[in-house]
C-alpha cells in the first residue's frame, strides 16, 4: 500500500514539474517571439508541440492508470516468484 501511495506522489510531483516548466518556458518563448519578430508568431507551434507531450504525460500519470500499471507489475513479479519457487 505504501509503495502505491509513494508512486502516486512521485507521479503527481512529475506532473506539477512538467506543467510548471511548460508555463515558464513558453512564457519566455512568447516574450522572445513578440520582442524579436512580432510580425510572425511562431510560439504557438512550440506550445502545441510541447502541449501534446504534456497532455500525454498528464493522461498516462492519472491515478487510475498508474495503479493499474502497478497491479500488472505486481502480478508479473508474483508469477515470476512462483515460477522460480517451482523450479527449485
C-alpha atoms as a PDB file:
ATOM      1  CA  UNK A   1       0.000   0.000   0.000  1.00  0.00           C
ATOM      2  CA  UNK A   2       2.769   2.434   0.888  1.00  0.00           C
ATOM      3  CA  UNK A   3       4.517   1.646  -2.409  1.00  0.00           C
ATOM      4  CA  UNK A   4       1.412   2.661  -4.354  1.00  0.00           C
ATOM      5  CA  UNK A   5       0.991   5.886  -2.413  1.00  0.00           C
ATOM      6  CA  UNK A   6       4.659   6.742  -2.895  1.00  0.00           C
ATOM      7  CA  UNK A   7       4.417   6.056  -6.632  1.00  0.00           C
ATOM      8  CA  UNK A   8       1.299   8.234  -6.953  1.00  0.00           C
ATOM      9  CA  UNK A   9       3.044  11.024  -5.054  1.00  0.00           C
ATOM     10  CA  UNK A  10       6.082  10.831  -7.372  1.00  0.00           C
ATOM     11  CA  UNK A  11       3.857  10.887 -10.456  1.00  0.00           C
ATOM     12  CA  UNK A  12       1.950  13.889  -9.119  1.00  0.00           C
ATOM     13  CA  UNK A  13       5.222  15.743  -8.477  1.00  0.00           C
ATOM     14  CA  UNK A  14       6.337  14.931 -12.024  1.00  0.00           C
ATOM     15  CA  UNK A  15       3.082  16.294 -13.425  1.00  0.00           C
ATOM     16  CA  UNK A  16       3.455  19.537 -11.489  1.00  0.00           C
ATOM     17  CA  UNK A  17       7.099  19.950 -12.532  1.00  0.00           C
ATOM     18  CA  UNK A  18       6.265  19.312 -16.205  1.00  0.00           C
ATOM     19  CA  UNK A  19       3.353  21.769 -16.152  1.00  0.00           C
ATOM     20  CA  UNK A  20       5.445  24.410 -14.374  1.00  0.00           C
ATOM     21  CA  UNK A  21       8.269  24.047 -16.890  1.00  0.00           C
ATOM     22  CA  UNK A  22       5.743  24.292 -19.734  1.00  0.00           C
ATOM     23  CA  UNK A  23       4.335  27.549 -18.357  1.00  0.00           C
ATOM     24  CA  UNK A  24       7.685  29.176 -17.578  1.00  0.00           C
ATOM     25  CA  UNK A  25       9.449  28.215 -20.816  1.00  0.00           C
ATOM     26  CA  UNK A  26       6.506  29.070 -23.021  1.00  0.00           C
ATOM     27  CA  UNK A  27       6.047  32.437 -21.320  1.00  0.00           C
ATOM     28  CA  UNK A  28       9.694  33.128 -22.148  1.00  0.00           C
ATOM     29  CA  UNK A  29       9.211  31.952 -25.743  1.00  0.00           C
ATOM     30  CA  UNK A  30       6.204  34.235 -26.127  1.00  0.00           C
ATOM     31  CA  UNK A  31       8.273  37.152 -24.871  1.00  0.00           C
ATOM     32  CA  UNK A  32      11.158  36.314 -27.227  1.00  0.00           C
ATOM     33  CA  UNK A  33       8.809  35.921 -30.182  1.00  0.00           C
ATOM     34  CA  UNK A  34       6.950  39.166 -29.570  1.00  0.00           C
ATOM     35  CA  UNK A  35      10.170  41.064 -28.903  1.00  0.00           C
ATOM     36  CA  UNK A  36      12.199  39.789 -31.863  1.00  0.00           C
ATOM     37  CA  UNK A  37       9.639  39.175 -34.594  1.00  0.00           C
ATOM     38  CA  UNK A  38       6.166  40.407 -33.709  1.00  0.00           C
ATOM     39  CA  UNK A  39       5.098  40.122 -37.360  1.00  0.00           C
ATOM     40  CA  UNK A  40       5.427  36.348 -37.354  1.00  0.00           C
ATOM     41  CA  UNK A  41       4.058  34.400 -34.427  1.00  0.00           C
ATOM     42  CA  UNK A  42       5.949  31.126 -34.110  1.00  0.00           C
ATOM     43  CA  UNK A  43       5.425  30.475 -30.406  1.00  0.00           C
ATOM     44  CA  UNK A  44       2.079  28.660 -30.915  1.00  0.00           C
ATOM     45  CA  UNK A  45       3.930  25.889 -32.777  1.00  0.00           C
ATOM     46  CA  UNK A  46       6.269  25.333 -29.846  1.00  0.00           C
ATOM     47  CA  UNK A  47       3.372  25.456 -27.413  1.00  0.00           C
ATOM     48  CA  UNK A  48       1.342  22.983 -29.452  1.00  0.00           C
ATOM     49  CA  UNK A  49       4.199  20.523 -29.802  1.00  0.00           C
ATOM     50  CA  UNK A  50       5.091  20.597 -26.145  1.00  0.00           C
ATOM     51  CA  UNK A  51       1.398  20.696 -25.244  1.00  0.00           C
ATOM     52  CA  UNK A  52       0.878  17.329 -26.925  1.00  0.00           C
ATOM     53  CA  UNK A  53       3.679  15.873 -24.819  1.00  0.00           C
ATOM     54  CA  UNK A  54       2.262  17.468 -21.681  1.00  0.00           C
ATOM     55  CA  UNK A  55      -1.225  16.149 -22.426  1.00  0.00           C
ATOM     56  CA  UNK A  56       0.134  12.629 -22.901  1.00  0.00           C
ATOM     57  CA  UNK A  57       2.119  12.915 -19.687  1.00  0.00           C
ATOM     58  CA  UNK A  58      -0.977  14.048 -17.796  1.00  0.00           C
ATOM     59  CA  UNK A  59      -3.037  11.245 -19.344  1.00  0.00           C
ATOM     60  CA  UNK A  60      -0.573   8.474 -18.542  1.00  0.00           C
ATOM     61  CA  UNK A  61       0.058   9.626 -14.977  1.00  0.00           C
ATOM     62  CA  UNK A  62      -3.580   9.602 -13.896  1.00  0.00           C
ATOM     63  CA  UNK A  63      -4.046   7.728 -10.622  1.00  0.00           C
ATOM     64  CA  UNK A  64      -6.231   5.060 -12.250  1.00  0.00           C
ATOM     65  CA  UNK A  65      -3.667   4.353 -14.970  1.00  0.00           C
ATOM     66  CA  UNK A  66      -0.695   4.325 -12.595  1.00  0.00           C
ATOM     67  CA  UNK A  67      -2.439   1.980 -10.157  1.00  0.00           C
ATOM     68  CA  UNK A  68      -3.441  -0.365 -12.979  1.00  0.00           C
ATOM     69  CA  UNK A  69       0.163  -0.486 -14.227  1.00  0.00           C
ATOM     70  CA  UNK A  70       1.409  -1.165 -10.679  1.00  0.00           C
ATOM     71  CA  UNK A  71      -1.059  -4.028 -10.315  1.00  0.00           C
ATOM     72  CA  UNK A  72       0.214  -5.520 -13.579  1.00  0.00           C
ATOM     73  CA  UNK A  73       3.821  -5.271 -12.382  1.00  0.00           C
ATOM     74  CA  UNK A  74       2.933  -6.802  -9.020  1.00  0.00           C
ATOM     75  CA  UNK A  75       1.119  -9.690 -10.722  1.00  0.00           C
ATOM     76  CA  UNK A  76       4.086 -10.300 -13.026  1.00  0.00           C
ATOM     77  CA  UNK A  77       6.518 -10.239 -10.093  1.00  0.00           C
ATOM     78  CA  UNK A  78       4.355 -12.757  -8.212  1.00  0.00           C
ATOM     79  CA  UNK A  79       4.182 -15.008 -11.271  1.00  0.00           C
ATOM     80  CA  UNK A  80       7.965 -14.927 -11.700  1.00  0.00           C
ATOM     81  CA  UNK A  81       8.464 -15.635  -7.988  1.00  0.00           C
ATOM     82  CA  UNK A  82       6.086 -18.639  -8.176  1.00  0.00           C
ATOM     83  CA  UNK A  83       7.871 -19.960 -11.247  1.00  0.00           C
ATOM     84  CA  UNK A  84      11.270 -19.653  -9.560  1.00  0.00           C
ATOM     85  CA  UNK A  85       9.955 -21.337  -6.420  1.00  0.00           C
ATOM     86  CA  UNK A  86       8.590 -24.211  -8.509  1.00  0.00           C
ATOM     87  CA  UNK A  87      11.929 -24.847 -10.223  1.00  0.00           C
ATOM     88  CA  UNK A  88      13.951 -25.459  -7.085  1.00  0.00           C
END
